[in-house]
Amino acid sequence: MNLNLFGDPVAPTTKKISIRSIEARYRTEVVREDAPAWVSTRYTHPRQVFEMFLSLKHETKEHFIALHMDGKNRIVCLDRVSIGTLNQSLVHPREVFKTALLSNAAAVVLLHNHPSGDPTPSNEDYAITTRLKEGGELLGIRILDHIVIGDGCYTSFVETGNL
């Protein structure tokens, strides 16, 4: 029991401790309403990702998206990691893998659009893909591909031998 200066009993002082807790929340997002019948949510070919996200060719800013995959290459969820400017988007490995870990992703397919319509990867595209591949190896999350979407065409890092 606590006593004050005069020896009288004093109730112990208490305080409230609050800490934010974290939880994953998912919502369903329509990415394409008129996709060809052969497109599925199981990743088997870069072209199906291109077909799924064809509407990105209309965007005036770069959108960098990570598709989280389970162990059978089925899309678990998507994370719109960054919406940038006309010709670049800010992408950091921490932001890509933060949500991939929360969704228990076994692998990730990266994609982004080039508003110019030319899907040729930039030096920055190659650099961030290398960084993300190295980060994924440390975490046990494979990078399956990085797809750049242009106007009616795409470039796959796997198909071009860059991943």
Protein backbone atom coordinates (compact mmCIF):
# COMPACT_ATOMS: atom_id res chain seq x y z
CA MET A 1 0.00 0.00 0.00
CA ASN A 2 1.27 3.47 -0.89
CA LEU A 3 1.39 6.17 1.80
CA ASN A 4 1.58 9.93 1.37
CA LEU A 5 3.99 12.22 3.31
CA PHE A 6 1.69 12.15 6.37
CA GLY A 7 1.45 8.34 6.44
CA ASP A 8 -2.10 8.26 5.12
CA PRO A 9 -2.98 5.52 2.61
CA VAL A 10 -3.08 6.67 -1.00
CA ALA A 11 -4.66 4.81 -3.89
CA PRO A 12 -2.02 3.66 -6.37
CA THR A 13 -1.81 5.78 -9.49
CA THR A 14 -2.60 4.06 -12.75
CA LYS A 15 -2.41 4.96 -16.37
CA LYS A 16 -4.01 3.73 -19.54
CA ILE A 17 -1.72 2.23 -22.18
CA SER A 18 -2.97 2.21 -25.76
CA ILE A 19 -1.14 0.67 -28.71
CA ARG A 20 -2.46 0.42 -32.24
CA SER A 21 -3.12 -3.13 -33.40
CA ILE A 22 -2.89 -4.16 -37.03
CA GLU A 23 -5.13 -6.38 -39.09
CA ALA A 24 -5.40 -7.16 -42.78
CA ARG A 25 -8.60 -5.95 -44.41
CA TYR A 26 -9.50 -7.01 -47.91
CA ARG A 27 -12.00 -5.57 -50.34
CA THR A 28 -12.99 -6.79 -53.77
CA GLU A 29 -11.94 -4.61 -56.69
CA VAL A 30 -13.10 -5.13 -60.27
CA VAL A 31 -10.06 -4.90 -62.53
CA ARG A 32 -11.81 -5.74 -65.80
CA GLU A 33 -15.43 -6.50 -66.65
CA ASP A 34 -14.95 -7.73 -70.22
CA ALA A 35 -11.89 -9.99 -69.94
CA PRO A 36 -11.48 -12.81 -72.47
CA ALA A 37 -12.77 -16.15 -71.17
CA TRP A 38 -9.29 -17.70 -71.16
CA VAL A 39 -7.98 -15.19 -68.60
CA SER A 40 -7.98 -16.69 -65.11
CA THR A 41 -6.73 -15.71 -61.70
CA ARG A 42 -4.07 -18.44 -61.89
CA TYR A 43 -0.87 -16.98 -63.33
CA THR A 44 0.38 -19.09 -66.21
CA HIS A 45 1.46 -16.49 -68.79
CA PRO A 46 2.31 -12.75 -68.83
CA ARG A 47 -0.29 -12.12 -71.53
CA GLN A 48 -3.13 -12.93 -69.15
CA VAL A 49 -1.92 -10.24 -66.72
CA PHE A 50 -1.74 -7.81 -69.64
CA GLU A 51 -5.31 -8.75 -70.63
CA MET A 52 -6.51 -8.43 -67.05
CA PHE A 53 -5.04 -4.95 -66.61
CA LEU A 54 -5.52 -3.65 -70.15
CA SER A 55 -7.36 -0.58 -68.85
CA LEU A 56 -4.09 0.74 -67.38
CA LYS A 57 -3.19 1.94 -70.89
CA HIS A 58 -5.73 4.75 -70.37
CA GLU A 59 -4.14 6.02 -67.16
CA THR A 60 -2.24 9.31 -67.32
CA LYS A 61 -0.03 8.40 -64.35
CA GLU A 62 2.09 5.33 -63.66
CA HIS A 63 0.40 2.72 -61.48
CA PHE A 64 2.68 0.14 -59.86
CA ILE A 65 0.79 -2.99 -58.79
CA ALA A 66 1.90 -6.15 -57.00
CA LEU A 67 -0.19 -9.28 -57.52
CA HIS A 68 0.20 -11.61 -54.55
CA MET A 69 0.24 -15.31 -55.42
CA ASP A 70 -0.30 -18.44 -53.38
CA GLY A 71 1.83 -21.57 -53.78
CA LYS A 72 -0.11 -22.60 -56.91
CA ASN A 73 0.34 -19.20 -58.62
CA ARG A 74 -3.26 -18.16 -57.99
CA ILE A 75 -3.82 -14.47 -57.37
CA VAL A 76 -4.61 -13.98 -53.68
CA CYS A 77 -4.94 -10.21 -53.89
CA LEU A 78 -3.56 -7.11 -55.53
CA ASP A 79 -1.78 -4.18 -53.97
CA ARG A 80 -1.69 -0.86 -55.78
CA VAL A 81 1.71 0.02 -54.35
CA SER A 82 2.11 3.42 -55.94
CA ILE A 83 0.46 5.92 -58.24
CA GLY A 84 3.16 8.16 -59.58
CA THR A 85 3.55 10.84 -62.21
CA LEU A 86 3.53 10.84 -65.99
CA ASN A 87 6.78 8.91 -66.26
CA GLN A 88 7.68 7.49 -62.88
CA SER A 89 6.33 6.04 -59.66
CA LEU A 90 8.01 5.75 -56.30
CA VAL A 91 8.49 2.10 -55.36
CA HIS A 92 10.33 0.85 -52.29
CA PRO A 93 10.82 -2.83 -51.37
CA ARG A 94 9.39 -2.17 -47.91
CA GLU A 95 6.06 -1.09 -49.42
CA VAL A 96 5.88 -4.04 -51.82
CA PHE A 97 6.66 -6.73 -49.25
CA LYS A 98 4.72 -5.23 -46.32
CA THR A 99 1.40 -6.31 -47.80
CA ALA A 100 2.82 -9.45 -49.44
CA LEU A 101 3.75 -10.69 -45.97
CA LEU A 102 0.30 -9.82 -44.59
CA SER A 103 -1.42 -11.78 -47.37
CA ASN A 104 0.92 -14.78 -46.92
CA ALA A 105 2.04 -14.51 -50.54
CA ALA A 106 4.40 -17.20 -51.81
CA ALA A 107 5.24 -15.12 -54.87
CA VAL A 108 4.54 -11.77 -56.50
CA VAL A 109 3.96 -10.61 -60.05
CA LEU A 110 4.84 -6.95 -60.51
CA LEU A 111 3.23 -4.76 -63.13
CA HIS A 112 3.04 -1.15 -64.05
CA ASN A 113 1.95 0.96 -66.98
CA HIS A 114 3.82 3.45 -69.13
CA PRO A 115 1.41 6.29 -69.98
CA SER A 116 3.55 7.05 -73.04
CA GLY A 117 2.26 3.78 -74.53
CA ASP A 118 5.78 2.39 -75.02
CA PRO A 119 6.29 -0.66 -72.76
CA THR A 120 10.09 -0.60 -73.08
CA PRO A 121 11.49 -0.85 -69.53
CA SER A 122 13.54 2.09 -68.29
CA ASN A 123 16.83 1.82 -66.41
CA GLU A 124 14.85 2.53 -63.24
CA ASP A 125 12.49 -0.37 -64.06
CA TYR A 126 15.45 -2.75 -64.31
CA ALA A 127 16.98 -1.38 -61.09
CA ILE A 128 13.82 -1.71 -58.96
CA THR A 129 13.16 -5.19 -60.33
CA THR A 130 16.64 -6.27 -59.25
CA ARG A 131 16.15 -4.74 -55.78
CA LEU A 132 12.76 -6.37 -55.36
CA LYS A 133 14.07 -9.75 -56.51
CA GLU A 134 16.91 -9.55 -53.95
CA GLY A 135 14.51 -8.46 -51.20
CA GLY A 136 12.09 -11.23 -52.07
CA GLU A 137 14.84 -13.83 -51.89
CA LEU A 138 15.62 -12.71 -48.33
CA LEU A 139 11.96 -13.00 -47.34
CA GLY A 140 11.18 -16.19 -49.24
CA ILE A 141 8.81 -14.47 -51.66
CA ARG A 142 9.65 -15.07 -55.32
CA ILE A 143 9.23 -12.40 -57.98
CA LEU A 144 7.63 -14.34 -60.85
CA ASP A 145 7.62 -11.52 -63.40
CA HIS A 146 7.54 -7.78 -63.94
CA ILE A 147 5.19 -6.73 -66.72
CA VAL A 148 5.17 -3.25 -68.27
CA ILE A 149 1.88 -2.37 -69.93
CA GLY A 150 1.81 -0.04 -72.92
CA ASP A 151 -0.83 0.93 -75.44
CA GLY A 152 -2.02 -2.42 -76.80
CA CYS A 153 1.26 -4.18 -75.98
CA TYR A 154 3.39 -5.24 -73.03
CA THR A 155 6.92 -6.26 -72.05
CA SER A 156 7.55 -9.17 -69.70
CA PHE A 157 10.88 -9.32 -67.88
CA VAL A 158 10.66 -13.12 -67.93
CA GLU A 159 9.93 -13.32 -71.65
CA THR A 160 12.84 -10.98 -72.44
CA GLY A 161 15.22 -12.92 -70.17
CA ASN A 162 15.65 -10.08 -67.66
CA LEU A 163 14.33 -11.96 -64.64
